[in-house]
Amino acid sequence: MEIIKIEGINKIEFIKKVFSISFIDKNTKNIETYIIEYRRDPLTKFWIRINIDSVKRQKDEIIFTKNKRECLFCKENVFQYTTSFINNKVFLDENSILIPNKYPFSKYHAILIPNFNEHIVSFSELKFLDFYNSFKLALEFFKENYERNKEAKYISINLNLGYFAGTSIEHLHFQLIQDEKPTNYFDIVIKESQNYFNQYRRFLIEDIALSEEKIGERFIKKGKLIWWFASFAPFKDNEVIGVVDSFNILNMAKINLDTFIKELYEFLVKYEKTFGNNFNLVIYDPVFIKEPGLKPFIRIFTRNQNDTGFMELLHLEPVITSLPEETAKKLKD
């Protein structure tokens, strides 16, 4: 086994252990060698495994049918989808609308539809103005909930696009999550970021981005407000991290918010064009969290019909079939 360790800024470590396994093919009698990597995520310290040959494994194709029905998120249907918010607040901006989720994941959970007047199923069909207006609705939703409940300080914007990414309605929509406790993943990120800040008085997620820019292998681009790079130890295939060069998103000055939304929209269009429209996204904004060392960041990764196995669920250790370095290469201009 070969252990490779690259040190980034302030001793941030990118560690991978590489080993090979050889077999004799019973039919051809040839020796086949497979390379497996263990990689440790510099943010969470979780280990993942990469075996790009796993994608060659034969699997039965999942046959599914989708009941053809009138889209619940289109036109007047959206107003009949569910009851209104408790305070009867109507979140509406041009074509964008925000409605309560019938099956909530958190104390405050809403569905954000960027365009309900057209049946939109991909970012290539979504106009920038509709994306922009919908983002403003999301921020309005978070602010209003926080004003009523100061404990509801953990917020995220989520997307599951495409059948294999877990969507039940194909119309493009986001899930807004706001709660009094962080999810397990975000809780780990908060604690690791606090520890790093207490030691170095710097932001862990930002130093990871700077380290990736310095190393170059997985770095994609640096816009005016977002660093983009492929995750060194991805949790799913083609995972990309976006680090926002700001203390938060919700309270950005308008000029910066406009820039951020534009950069995010353009990258999502590019990502979908490169990898297809089965992917998940989450945006974490620490705006209401008082703990030091946090900055907003984004995670995006692709999904397919066979991407979650028992190792991920029972052992909490993802098995990845794509190299992060190749993901970055495909997304670079």
C-alpha atoms as a PDB file:
ATOM      1  CA  MET A   1       0.000   0.000   0.000  1.00  0.00           C
ATOM      2  CA  GLU A   2       1.252   3.458  -0.932  1.00  0.00           C
ATOM      3  CA  ILE A   3       0.340   6.353   1.359  1.00  0.00           C
ATOM      4  CA  ILE A   4       0.226   9.766  -0.302  1.00  0.00           C
ATOM      5  CA  LYS A   5      -0.066  12.905   1.802  1.00  0.00           C
ATOM      6  CA  ILE A   6      -0.225  16.443   0.412  1.00  0.00           C
ATOM      7  CA  GLU A   7      -0.194  19.332   2.842  1.00  0.00           C
ATOM      8  CA  GLY A   8      -2.210  22.442   2.127  1.00  0.00           C
ATOM      9  CA  ILE A   9      -2.499  25.741   3.945  1.00  0.00           C
ATOM     10  CA  ASN A  10      -2.098  25.575   7.746  1.00  0.00           C
ATOM     11  CA  LYS A  11      -1.357  21.833   7.613  1.00  0.00           C
ATOM     12  CA  ILE A  12      -4.631  20.861   5.948  1.00  0.00           C
ATOM     13  CA  GLU A  13      -3.986  17.282   4.871  1.00  0.00           C
ATOM     14  CA  PHE A  14      -5.104  15.553   1.682  1.00  0.00           C
ATOM     15  CA  ILE A  15      -4.420  11.922   2.488  1.00  0.00           C
ATOM     16  CA  LYS A  16      -4.975   8.918   0.248  1.00  0.00           C
ATOM     17  CA  LYS A  17      -3.911   5.304   0.550  1.00  0.00           C
ATOM     18  CA  VAL A  18      -3.548   3.467  -2.740  1.00  0.00           C
ATOM     19  CA  PHE A  19      -3.306  -0.273  -3.193  1.00  0.00           C
ATOM     20  CA  SER A  20      -3.866  -2.801  -5.961  1.00  0.00           C
ATOM     21  CA  ILE A  21      -5.611  -6.163  -6.050  1.00  0.00           C
ATOM     22  CA  SER A  22      -4.904  -8.731  -8.765  1.00  0.00           C
ATOM     23  CA  PHE A  23      -7.067 -11.624  -9.966  1.00  0.00           C
ATOM     24  CA  ILE A  24      -6.761 -14.293 -12.640  1.00  0.00           C
ATOM     25  CA  ASP A  25      -9.677 -14.231 -15.059  1.00  0.00           C
ATOM     26  CA  LYS A  26     -11.008 -17.790 -15.194  1.00  0.00           C
ATOM     27  CA  ASN A  27     -11.957 -17.436 -18.852  1.00  0.00           C
ATOM     28  CA  THR A  28      -9.001 -15.604 -20.382  1.00  0.00           C
ATOM     29  CA  LYS A  29      -6.408 -16.706 -17.774  1.00  0.00           C
ATOM     30  CA  ASN A  30      -5.151 -13.136 -17.844  1.00  0.00           C
ATOM     31  CA  ILE A  31      -4.139 -11.299 -14.690  1.00  0.00           C
ATOM     32  CA  GLU A  32      -6.425  -8.358 -14.014  1.00  0.00           C
ATOM     33  CA  THR A  33      -5.355  -5.621 -11.613  1.00  0.00           C
ATOM     34  CA  TYR A  34      -7.654  -3.171  -9.877  1.00  0.00           C
ATOM     35  CA  ILE A  35      -6.626   0.013  -8.104  1.00  0.00           C
ATOM     36  CA  ILE A  36      -8.475   1.085  -4.968  1.00  0.00           C
ATOM     37  CA  GLU A  37      -7.976   4.344  -3.103  1.00  0.00           C
ATOM     38  CA  TYR A  38      -8.940   5.354   0.415  1.00  0.00           C
ATOM     39  CA  ARG A  39      -9.278   9.125   0.768  1.00  0.00           C
ATOM     40  CA  ARG A  40      -9.984  11.243   3.848  1.00  0.00           C
ATOM     41  CA  ASP A  41     -12.151  14.325   3.515  1.00  0.00           C
ATOM     42  CA  PRO A  42     -10.192  17.329   4.875  1.00  0.00           C
ATOM     43  CA  LEU A  43     -13.436  18.978   6.025  1.00  0.00           C
ATOM     44  CA  THR A  44     -15.264  16.201   7.918  1.00  0.00           C
ATOM     45  CA  LYS A  45     -12.383  13.703   8.329  1.00  0.00           C
ATOM     46  CA  PHE A  46     -14.644  10.972   6.880  1.00  0.00           C
ATOM     47  CA  TRP A  47     -12.978   8.237   4.822  1.00  0.00           C
ATOM     48  CA  ILE A  48     -14.331   7.240   1.405  1.00  0.00           C
ATOM     49  CA  ARG A  49     -13.234   4.621  -1.145  1.00  0.00           C
ATOM     50  CA  ILE A  50     -12.681   5.084  -4.864  1.00  0.00           C
ATOM     51  CA  ASN A  51     -12.824   2.181  -7.304  1.00  0.00           C
ATOM     52  CA  ILE A  52     -13.464   3.428 -10.829  1.00  0.00           C
ATOM     53  CA  ASP A  53     -13.745  -0.165 -12.068  1.00  0.00           C
ATOM     54  CA  SER A  54     -16.899  -0.647  -9.977  1.00  0.00           C
ATOM     55  CA  VAL A  55     -18.845   1.053 -12.726  1.00  0.00           C
ATOM     56  CA  LYS A  56     -18.134  -1.946 -14.974  1.00  0.00           C
ATOM     57  CA  ARG A  57     -19.944  -4.306 -12.611  1.00  0.00           C
ATOM     58  CA  GLN A  58     -23.023  -5.778 -14.200  1.00  0.00           C
ATOM     59  CA  LYS A  59     -26.306  -4.931 -12.527  1.00  0.00           C
ATOM     60  CA  ASP A  60     -29.873  -5.652 -13.423  1.00  0.00           C
ATOM     61  CA  GLU A  61     -31.524  -2.611 -14.911  1.00  0.00           C
ATOM     62  CA  ILE A  62     -34.222  -1.120 -12.753  1.00  0.00           C
ATOM     63  CA  ILE A  63     -37.445  -0.950 -14.687  1.00  0.00           C
ATOM     64  CA  PHE A  64     -39.786   1.747 -13.486  1.00  0.00           C
ATOM     65  CA  THR A  65     -42.835   3.511 -14.762  1.00  0.00           C
ATOM     66  CA  LYS A  66     -43.910   6.986 -13.878  1.00  0.00           C
ATOM     67  CA  ASN A  67     -47.617   7.562 -13.678  1.00  0.00           C
ATOM     68  CA  LYS A  68     -48.490  10.221 -16.192  1.00  0.00           C
ATOM     69  CA  ARG A  69     -50.477  12.839 -14.367  1.00  0.00           C
ATOM     70  CA  GLU A  70     -51.039  16.534 -14.506  1.00  0.00           C
ATOM     71  CA  CYS A  71     -48.079  18.326 -12.909  1.00  0.00           C
ATOM     72  CA  LEU A  72     -48.902  19.476  -9.386  1.00  0.00           C
ATOM     73  CA  PHE A  73     -46.413  22.343  -9.651  1.00  0.00           C
ATOM     74  CA  CYS A  74     -47.762  23.837 -12.878  1.00  0.00           C
ATOM     75  CA  LYS A  75     -50.055  26.871 -13.152  1.00  0.00           C
ATOM     76  CA  GLU A  76     -53.218  26.898 -11.038  1.00  0.00           C
ATOM     77  CA  ASN A  77     -52.485  23.389  -9.688  1.00  0.00           C
ATOM     78  CA  VAL A  78     -49.814  24.763  -7.392  1.00  0.00           C
ATOM     79  CA  PHE A  79     -52.387  26.830  -5.482  1.00  0.00           C
ATOM     80  CA  GLN A  80     -54.391  23.687  -4.720  1.00  0.00           C
ATOM     81  CA  TYR A  81     -51.386  21.581  -3.754  1.00  0.00           C
ATOM     82  CA  THR A  82     -51.520  22.191  -0.021  1.00  0.00           C
ATOM     83  CA  THR A  83     -52.766  24.591   2.634  1.00  0.00           C
ATOM     84  CA  SER A  84     -51.116  27.951   3.148  1.00  0.00           C
ATOM     85  CA  PHE A  85     -48.471  28.801   5.717  1.00  0.00           C
ATOM     86  CA  ILE A  86     -49.638  29.253   9.311  1.00  0.00           C
ATOM     87  CA  ASN A  87     -49.461  33.036   9.073  1.00  0.00           C
ATOM     88  CA  ASN A  88     -51.228  32.965   5.674  1.00  0.00           C
ATOM     89  CA  LYS A  89     -48.138  34.531   4.145  1.00  0.00           C
ATOM     90  CA  VAL A  90     -48.006  34.308   0.360  1.00  0.00           C
ATOM     91  CA  PHE A  91     -44.464  34.009  -1.036  1.00  0.00           C
ATOM     92  CA  LEU A  92     -44.842  34.976  -4.689  1.00  0.00           C
ATOM     93  CA  ASP A  93     -42.547  36.854  -7.069  1.00  0.00           C
ATOM     94  CA  GLU A  94     -43.422  36.921 -10.765  1.00  0.00           C
ATOM     95  CA  ASN A  95     -43.285  33.250 -11.884  1.00  0.00           C
ATOM     96  CA  SER A  96     -41.703  31.986  -8.652  1.00  0.00           C
ATOM     97  CA  ILE A  97     -43.695  30.688  -5.702  1.00  0.00           C
ATOM     98  CA  LEU A  98     -43.002  29.119  -2.330  1.00  0.00           C
ATOM     99  CA  ILE A  99     -45.422  26.653  -0.699  1.00  0.00           C
ATOM    100  CA  PRO A 100     -45.391  24.492   2.452  1.00  0.00           C
ATOM    101  CA  ASN A 101     -44.138  20.920   2.119  1.00  0.00           C
ATOM    102  CA  LYS A 102     -46.842  18.387   2.952  1.00  0.00           C
ATOM    103  CA  TYR A 103     -44.241  15.947   4.275  1.00  0.00           C
ATOM    104  CA  PRO A 104     -41.783  18.133   6.217  1.00  0.00           C
ATOM    105  CA  PHE A 105     -38.232  17.115   7.063  1.00  0.00           C
ATOM    106  CA  SER A 106     -37.730  20.007   9.484  1.00  0.00           C
ATOM    107  CA  LYS A 107     -39.703  22.448  11.611  1.00  0.00           C
ATOM    108  CA  TYR A 108     -39.803  24.904   8.698  1.00  0.00           C
ATOM    109  CA  HIS A 109     -39.819  23.195   5.326  1.00  0.00           C
ATOM    110  CA  ALA A 110     -40.996  24.784   2.093  1.00  0.00           C
ATOM    111  CA  ILE A 111     -40.982  23.927  -1.599  1.00  0.00           C
ATOM    112  CA  LEU A 112     -39.623  26.634  -3.864  1.00  0.00           C
ATOM    113  CA  ILE A 113     -40.760  26.510  -7.502  1.00  0.00           C
ATOM    114  CA  PRO A 114     -38.739  28.891  -9.725  1.00  0.00           C
ATOM    115  CA  ASN A 115     -41.355  28.893 -12.491  1.00  0.00           C
ATOM    116  CA  PHE A 116     -44.862  27.502 -12.080  1.00  0.00           C
ATOM    117  CA  ASN A 117     -46.222  28.986 -15.311  1.00  0.00           C
ATOM    118  CA  GLU A 118     -44.128  26.653 -17.476  1.00  0.00           C
ATOM    119  CA  HIS A 119     -43.273  22.963 -17.026  1.00  0.00           C
ATOM    120  CA  ILE A 120     -39.549  23.341 -16.279  1.00  0.00           C
ATOM    121  CA  VAL A 121     -37.523  20.163 -15.704  1.00  0.00           C
ATOM    122  CA  SER A 122     -33.920  21.354 -16.179  1.00  0.00           C
ATOM    123  CA  PHE A 123     -31.695  24.389 -15.669  1.00  0.00           C
ATOM    124  CA  SER A 124     -31.199  24.739 -19.407  1.00  0.00           C
ATOM    125  CA  GLU A 125     -34.935  25.563 -19.616  1.00  0.00           C
ATOM    126  CA  LEU A 126     -34.969  27.893 -16.618  1.00  0.00           C
ATOM    127  CA  LYS A 127     -34.610  31.628 -17.244  1.00  0.00           C
ATOM    128  CA  PHE A 128     -32.078  33.429 -15.090  1.00  0.00           C
ATOM    129  CA  LEU A 129     -34.681  35.963 -13.928  1.00  0.00           C
ATOM    130  CA  ASP A 130     -36.891  33.167 -12.563  1.00  0.00           C
ATOM    131  CA  PHE A 131     -33.896  31.673 -10.739  1.00  0.00           C
ATOM    132  CA  TYR A 132     -33.029  35.104  -9.351  1.00  0.00           C
ATOM    133  CA  ASN A 133     -36.564  35.821  -8.131  1.00  0.00           C
ATOM    134  CA  SER A 134     -36.857  32.394  -6.533  1.00  0.00           C
ATOM    135  CA  PHE A 135     -33.609  32.914  -4.615  1.00  0.00           C
ATOM    136  CA  LYS A 136     -34.963  36.169  -3.178  1.00  0.00           C
ATOM    137  CA  LEU A 137     -38.074  34.300  -2.020  1.00  0.00           C
ATOM    138  CA  ALA A 138     -35.893  31.732  -0.239  1.00  0.00           C
ATOM    139  CA  LEU A 139     -34.065  34.457   1.693  1.00  0.00           C
ATOM    140  CA  GLU A 140     -37.365  36.108   2.599  1.00  0.00           C
ATOM    141  CA  PHE A 141     -38.652  32.777   3.950  1.00  0.00           C
ATOM    142  CA  PHE A 142     -35.583  32.229   6.145  1.00  0.00           C
ATOM    143  CA  LYS A 143     -35.636  35.770   7.524  1.00  0.00           C
ATOM    144  CA  GLU A 144     -39.312  35.618   8.437  1.00  0.00           C
ATOM    145  CA  ASN A 145     -38.987  32.301  10.275  1.00  0.00           C
ATOM    146  CA  TYR A 146     -35.950  33.500  12.197  1.00  0.00           C
ATOM    147  CA  GLU A 147     -37.759  36.660  13.284  1.00  0.00           C
ATOM    148  CA  ARG A 148     -40.457  34.456  14.833  1.00  0.00           C
ATOM    149  CA  ASN A 149     -38.094  31.833  16.235  1.00  0.00           C
ATOM    150  CA  LYS A 150     -34.484  32.731  17.023  1.00  0.00           C
ATOM    151  CA  GLU A 151     -33.664  29.046  17.601  1.00  0.00           C
ATOM    152  CA  ALA A 152     -34.365  28.242  13.944  1.00  0.00           C
ATOM    153  CA  LYS A 153     -30.818  29.141  12.923  1.00  0.00           C
ATOM    154  CA  TYR A 154     -29.790  26.170  10.749  1.00  0.00           C
ATOM    155  CA  ILE A 155     -30.798  26.756   7.145  1.00  0.00           C
ATOM    156  CA  SER A 156     -30.101  25.143   3.803  1.00  0.00           C
ATOM    157  CA  ILE A 157     -31.341  25.261   0.219  1.00  0.00           C
ATOM    158  CA  ASN A 158     -31.628  21.794  -1.312  1.00  0.00           C
ATOM    159  CA  LEU A 159     -32.308  20.341  -4.744  1.00  0.00           C
ATOM    160  CA  ASN A 160     -33.024  16.833  -5.966  1.00  0.00           C
ATOM    161  CA  LEU A 161     -33.181  17.016  -9.743  1.00  0.00           C
ATOM    162  CA  GLY A 162     -34.174  13.917 -11.679  1.00  0.00           C
ATOM    163  CA  TYR A 163     -35.763  10.585 -10.805  1.00  0.00           C
ATOM    164  CA  PHE A 164     -32.557   8.926  -9.567  1.00  0.00           C
ATOM    165  CA  ALA A 165     -31.774  11.954  -7.392  1.00  0.00           C
ATOM    166  CA  GLY A 166     -34.934  11.294  -5.388  1.00  0.00           C
ATOM    167  CA  THR A 167     -37.501  13.646  -6.840  1.00  0.00           C
ATOM    168  CA  SER A 168     -41.143  12.592  -6.859  1.00  0.00           C
ATOM    169  CA  ILE A 169     -42.299  15.484  -9.070  1.00  0.00           C
ATOM    170  CA  GLU A 170     -40.142  16.184 -12.111  1.00  0.00           C
ATOM    171  CA  HIS A 171     -40.914  19.919 -12.228  1.00  0.00           C
ATOM    172  CA  LEU A 172     -37.702  21.665 -11.105  1.00  0.00           C
ATOM    173  CA  HIS A 173     -38.060  22.753  -7.470  1.00  0.00           C
ATOM    174  CA  PHE A 174     -35.975  23.360  -4.360  1.00  0.00           C
ATOM    175  CA  GLN A 175     -36.472  22.291  -0.748  1.00  0.00           C
ATOM    176  CA  LEU A 176     -35.910  24.993   1.892  1.00  0.00           C
ATOM    177  CA  ILE A 177     -34.914  23.547   5.259  1.00  0.00           C
ATOM    178  CA  GLN A 178     -34.813  25.535   8.513  1.00  0.00           C
ATOM    179  CA  ASP A 179     -34.573  23.945  11.926  1.00  0.00           C
ATOM    180  CA  GLU A 180     -33.496  24.295  15.545  1.00  0.00           C
ATOM    181  CA  LYS A 181     -30.831  21.592  15.176  1.00  0.00           C
ATOM    182  CA  PRO A 182     -28.300  20.986  12.420  1.00  0.00           C
ATOM    183  CA  THR A 183     -28.252  17.835  10.332  1.00  0.00           C
ATOM    184  CA  ASN A 184     -25.566  15.335  11.298  1.00  0.00           C
ATOM    185  CA  TYR A 185     -23.313  16.376   8.423  1.00  0.00           C
ATOM    186  CA  PHE A 186     -23.591  20.104   9.131  1.00  0.00           C
ATOM    187  CA  ASP A 187     -23.057  19.483  12.847  1.00  0.00           C
ATOM    188  CA  ILE A 188     -19.698  17.838  12.077  1.00  0.00           C
ATOM    189  CA  VAL A 189     -18.740  20.697   9.759  1.00  0.00           C
ATOM    190  CA  ILE A 190     -19.593  23.259  12.449  1.00  0.00           C
ATOM    191  CA  LYS A 191     -17.476  21.497  15.087  1.00  0.00           C
ATOM    192  CA  GLU A 192     -14.492  20.949  12.770  1.00  0.00           C
ATOM    193  CA  SER A 193     -14.682  24.585  11.636  1.00  0.00           C
ATOM    194  CA  GLN A 194     -14.802  25.837  15.243  1.00  0.00           C
ATOM    195  CA  ASN A 195     -11.781  23.765  16.239  1.00  0.00           C
ATOM    196  CA  TYR A 196      -9.819  25.007  13.224  1.00  0.00           C
ATOM    197  CA  PHE A 197     -10.768  28.639  13.863  1.00  0.00           C
ATOM    198  CA  ASN A 198      -9.767  28.383  17.526  1.00  0.00           C
ATOM    199  CA  GLN A 199      -6.362  27.032  16.472  1.00  0.00           C
ATOM    200  CA  TYR A 200      -5.565  29.221  13.453  1.00  0.00           C
ATOM    201  CA  ARG A 201      -8.096  32.096  13.544  1.00  0.00           C
ATOM    202  CA  ARG A 202      -8.948  31.212   9.959  1.00  0.00           C
ATOM    203  CA  PHE A 203     -11.837  29.593   8.121  1.00  0.00           C
ATOM    204  CA  LEU A 204     -11.406  25.870   7.454  1.00  0.00           C
ATOM    205  CA  ILE A 205     -13.601  25.699   4.345  1.00  0.00           C
ATOM    206  CA  GLU A 206     -11.848  28.748   2.861  1.00  0.00           C
ATOM    207  CA  ASP A 207      -8.390  27.315   3.539  1.00  0.00           C
ATOM    208  CA  ILE A 208      -9.424  24.053   1.865  1.00  0.00           C
ATOM    209  CA  ALA A 209     -10.451  26.080  -1.202  1.00  0.00           C
ATOM    210  CA  LEU A 210      -7.140  27.978  -1.152  1.00  0.00           C
ATOM    211  CA  SER A 211      -5.273  24.687  -0.776  1.00  0.00           C
ATOM    212  CA  GLU A 212      -7.126  23.199  -3.743  1.00  0.00           C
ATOM    213  CA  GLU A 213      -6.308  26.291  -5.798  1.00  0.00           C
ATOM    214  CA  LYS A 214      -2.647  25.945  -4.866  1.00  0.00           C
ATOM    215  CA  ILE A 215      -2.524  22.193  -5.633  1.00  0.00           C
ATOM    216  CA  GLY A 216      -4.464  22.660  -8.879  1.00  0.00           C
ATOM    217  CA  GLU A 217      -5.466  19.040  -9.609  1.00  0.00           C
ATOM    218  CA  ARG A 218      -9.114  19.437  -8.624  1.00  0.00           C
ATOM    219  CA  PHE A 219      -9.494  23.210  -8.786  1.00  0.00           C
ATOM    220  CA  ILE A 220     -12.061  24.349 -11.370  1.00  0.00           C
ATOM    221  CA  LYS A 221     -12.364  28.127 -11.179  1.00  0.00           C
ATOM    222  CA  LYS A 222     -12.534  31.165  -8.921  1.00  0.00           C
ATOM    223  CA  GLY A 223     -15.308  33.591  -9.726  1.00  0.00           C
ATOM    224  CA  LYS A 224     -15.851  36.928  -8.064  1.00  0.00           C
ATOM    225  CA  LEU A 225     -17.580  35.262  -5.102  1.00  0.00           C
ATOM    226  CA  ILE A 226     -17.335  31.458  -5.433  1.00  0.00           C
ATOM    227  CA  TRP A 227     -14.378  29.063  -5.494  1.00  0.00           C
ATOM    228  CA  TRP A 228     -15.287  25.824  -7.321  1.00  0.00           C
ATOM    229  CA  PHE A 229     -13.332  22.583  -6.960  1.00  0.00           C
ATOM    230  CA  ALA A 230     -13.987  18.850  -7.128  1.00  0.00           C
ATOM    231  CA  SER A 231     -14.131  17.269  -3.685  1.00  0.00           C
ATOM    232  CA  PHE A 232     -10.940  15.383  -2.807  1.00  0.00           C
ATOM    233  CA  ALA A 233     -12.960  12.687  -0.982  1.00  0.00           C
ATOM    234  CA  PRO A 234     -16.420  12.821  -2.608  1.00  0.00           C
ATOM    235  CA  PHE A 235     -19.524  11.396  -0.935  1.00  0.00           C
ATOM    236  CA  LYS A 236     -21.083  10.739  -4.355  1.00  0.00           C
ATOM    237  CA  ASP A 237     -19.782  10.723  -7.907  1.00  0.00           C
ATOM    238  CA  ASN A 238     -18.697  14.032  -9.442  1.00  0.00           C
ATOM    239  CA  GLU A 239     -19.026  15.935  -6.175  1.00  0.00           C
ATOM    240  CA  VAL A 240     -18.126  19.597  -6.504  1.00  0.00           C
ATOM    241  CA  ILE A 241     -17.703  22.062  -3.646  1.00  0.00           C
ATOM    242  CA  GLY A 242     -18.392  25.768  -3.953  1.00  0.00           C
ATOM    243  CA  VAL A 243     -17.012  28.038  -1.221  1.00  0.00           C
ATOM    244  CA  VAL A 244     -18.595  31.469  -0.965  1.00  0.00           C
ATOM    245  CA  ASP A 245     -16.251  34.371  -0.294  1.00  0.00           C
ATOM    246  CA  SER A 246     -18.575  35.998   2.232  1.00  0.00           C
ATOM    247  CA  PHE A 247     -19.625  35.557   5.855  1.00  0.00           C
ATOM    248  CA  ASN A 248     -23.163  34.712   4.750  1.00  0.00           C
ATOM    249  CA  ILE A 249     -25.521  34.839   1.777  1.00  0.00           C
ATOM    250  CA  LEU A 250     -28.729  36.100   3.364  1.00  0.00           C
ATOM    251  CA  ASN A 251     -27.381  39.512   4.393  1.00  0.00           C
ATOM    252  CA  MET A 252     -25.209  40.164   1.334  1.00  0.00           C
ATOM    253  CA  ALA A 253     -25.289  43.606  -0.200  1.00  0.00           C
ATOM    254  CA  LYS A 254     -27.472  43.580  -3.320  1.00  0.00           C
ATOM    255  CA  ILE A 255     -24.553  43.888  -5.728  1.00  0.00           C
ATOM    256  CA  ASN A 256     -22.836  40.867  -4.156  1.00  0.00           C
ATOM    257  CA  LEU A 257     -26.066  38.860  -3.997  1.00  0.00           C
ATOM    258  CA  ASP A 258     -26.678  39.528  -7.685  1.00  0.00           C
ATOM    259  CA  THR A 259     -23.153  38.331  -8.492  1.00  0.00           C
ATOM    260  CA  PHE A 260     -23.505  35.233  -6.324  1.00  0.00           C
ATOM    261  CA  ILE A 261     -26.835  34.183  -7.875  1.00  0.00           C
ATOM    262  CA  LYS A 262     -25.476  34.719 -11.393  1.00  0.00           C
ATOM    263  CA  GLU A 263     -22.330  32.656 -10.732  1.00  0.00           C
ATOM    264  CA  LEU A 264     -24.367  29.863  -9.136  1.00  0.00           C
ATOM    265  CA  TYR A 265     -26.880  29.774 -11.991  1.00  0.00           C
ATOM    266  CA  GLU A 266     -24.172  29.668 -14.683  1.00  0.00           C
ATOM    267  CA  PHE A 267     -22.328  26.874 -12.896  1.00  0.00           C
ATOM    268  CA  LEU A 268     -25.483  24.774 -12.475  1.00  0.00           C
ATOM    269  CA  VAL A 269     -26.244  25.105 -16.185  1.00  0.00           C
ATOM    270  CA  LYS A 270     -22.667  23.996 -16.944  1.00  0.00           C
ATOM    271  CA  TYR A 271     -22.798  21.127 -14.444  1.00  0.00           C
ATOM    272  CA  GLU A 272     -26.097  19.826 -15.838  1.00  0.00           C
ATOM    273  CA  LYS A 273     -24.777  20.066 -19.397  1.00  0.00           C
ATOM    274  CA  THR A 274     -21.662  18.110 -18.397  1.00  0.00           C
ATOM    275  CA  PHE A 275     -23.133  15.386 -16.186  1.00  0.00           C
ATOM    276  CA  GLY A 276     -26.863  15.268 -16.980  1.00  0.00           C
ATOM    277  CA  ASN A 277     -29.921  16.151 -14.944  1.00  0.00           C
ATOM    278  CA  ASN A 278     -29.819  13.619 -12.131  1.00  0.00           C
ATOM    279  CA  PHE A 279     -28.039  15.388  -9.307  1.00  0.00           C
ATOM    280  CA  ASN A 280     -28.405  16.778  -5.790  1.00  0.00           C
ATOM    281  CA  LEU A 281     -27.416  20.160  -4.436  1.00  0.00           C
ATOM    282  CA  VAL A 282     -27.259  21.740  -1.001  1.00  0.00           C
ATOM    283  CA  ILE A 283     -26.321  25.279   0.029  1.00  0.00           C
ATOM    284  CA  TYR A 284     -25.414  25.852   3.674  1.00  0.00           C
ATOM    285  CA  ASP A 285     -25.637  29.418   4.960  1.00  0.00           C
ATOM    286  CA  PRO A 286     -24.391  29.988   8.559  1.00  0.00           C
ATOM    287  CA  VAL A 287     -25.970  33.462   8.755  1.00  0.00           C
ATOM    288  CA  PHE A 288     -27.824  32.817  12.047  1.00  0.00           C
ATOM    289  CA  ILE A 289     -25.149  30.655  13.696  1.00  0.00           C
ATOM    290  CA  LYS A 290     -23.078  32.441  16.302  1.00  0.00           C
ATOM    291  CA  GLU A 291     -20.212  29.941  16.358  1.00  0.00           C
ATOM    292  CA  PRO A 292     -16.989  31.277  14.763  1.00  0.00           C
ATOM    293  CA  GLY A 293     -15.178  29.942  11.731  1.00  0.00           C
ATOM    294  CA  LEU A 294     -18.065  29.319   9.332  1.00  0.00           C
ATOM    295  CA  LYS A 295     -18.644  30.433   5.756  1.00  0.00           C
ATOM    296  CA  PRO A 296     -21.363  29.464   3.267  1.00  0.00           C
ATOM    297  CA  PHE A 297     -20.607  26.548   0.979  1.00  0.00           C
ATOM    298  CA  ILE A 298     -22.281  24.463  -1.718  1.00  0.00           C
ATOM    299  CA  ARG A 299     -22.188  20.746  -2.520  1.00  0.00           C
ATOM    300  CA  ILE A 300     -23.325  19.182  -5.811  1.00  0.00           C
ATOM    301  CA  PHE A 301     -23.078  15.540  -6.891  1.00  0.00           C
ATOM    302  CA  THR A 302     -24.565  13.247  -9.497  1.00  0.00           C
ATOM    303  CA  ARG A 303     -26.852  10.271  -8.927  1.00  0.00           C
ATOM    304  CA  ASN A 304     -27.694   7.137 -10.881  1.00  0.00           C
ATOM    305  CA  GLN A 305     -30.054   4.226 -10.444  1.00  0.00           C
ATOM    306  CA  ASN A 306     -27.506   2.053  -8.613  1.00  0.00           C
ATOM    307  CA  ASP A 307     -25.459   4.568  -6.681  1.00  0.00           C
ATOM    308  CA  THR A 308     -26.413   3.685  -3.105  1.00  0.00           C
ATOM    309  CA  GLY A 309     -25.401   0.311  -1.723  1.00  0.00           C
ATOM    310  CA  PHE A 310     -25.083  -1.295   1.677  1.00  0.00           C
ATOM    311  CA  MET A 311     -21.610   0.152   2.289  1.00  0.00           C
ATOM    312  CA  GLU A 312     -23.027   3.679   2.168  1.00  0.00           C
ATOM    313  CA  LEU A 313     -26.017   2.903   4.364  1.00  0.00           C
ATOM    314  CA  LEU A 314     -24.678   0.369   6.857  1.00  0.00           C
ATOM    315  CA  HIS A 315     -21.041   1.461   7.059  1.00  0.00           C
ATOM    316  CA  LEU A 316     -21.391   5.188   6.300  1.00  0.00           C
ATOM    317  CA  GLU A 317     -18.463   4.884   3.887  1.00  0.00           C
ATOM    318  CA  PRO A 318     -19.225   5.907   0.292  1.00  0.00           C
ATOM    319  CA  VAL A 319     -17.856   3.944  -2.658  1.00  0.00           C
ATOM    320  CA  ILE A 320     -17.094   6.296  -5.556  1.00  0.00           C
ATOM    321  CA  THR A 321     -16.674   5.327  -9.210  1.00  0.00           C
ATOM    322  CA  SER A 322     -15.383   8.652 -10.584  1.00  0.00           C
ATOM    323  CA  LEU A 323     -12.032  10.340  -9.969  1.00  0.00           C
ATOM    324  CA  PRO A 324     -12.334  13.902  -8.588  1.00  0.00           C
ATOM    325  CA  GLU A 325      -9.474  14.985 -10.823  1.00  0.00           C
ATOM    326  CA  GLU A 326     -11.462  13.872 -13.900  1.00  0.00           C
ATOM    327  CA  THR A 327     -14.572  15.667 -12.605  1.00  0.00           C
ATOM    328  CA  ALA A 328     -12.611  18.926 -12.364  1.00  0.00           C
ATOM    329  CA  LYS A 329     -11.135  18.436 -15.828  1.00  0.00           C
ATOM    330  CA  LYS A 330     -14.592  18.052 -17.400  1.00  0.00           C
ATOM    331  CA  LEU A 331     -15.867  21.253 -15.764  1.00  0.00           C
ATOM    332  CA  LYS A 332     -12.902  23.490 -16.553  1.00  0.00           C
ATOM    333  CA  ASP A 333     -13.360  25.836 -19.478  1.00  0.00           C
END
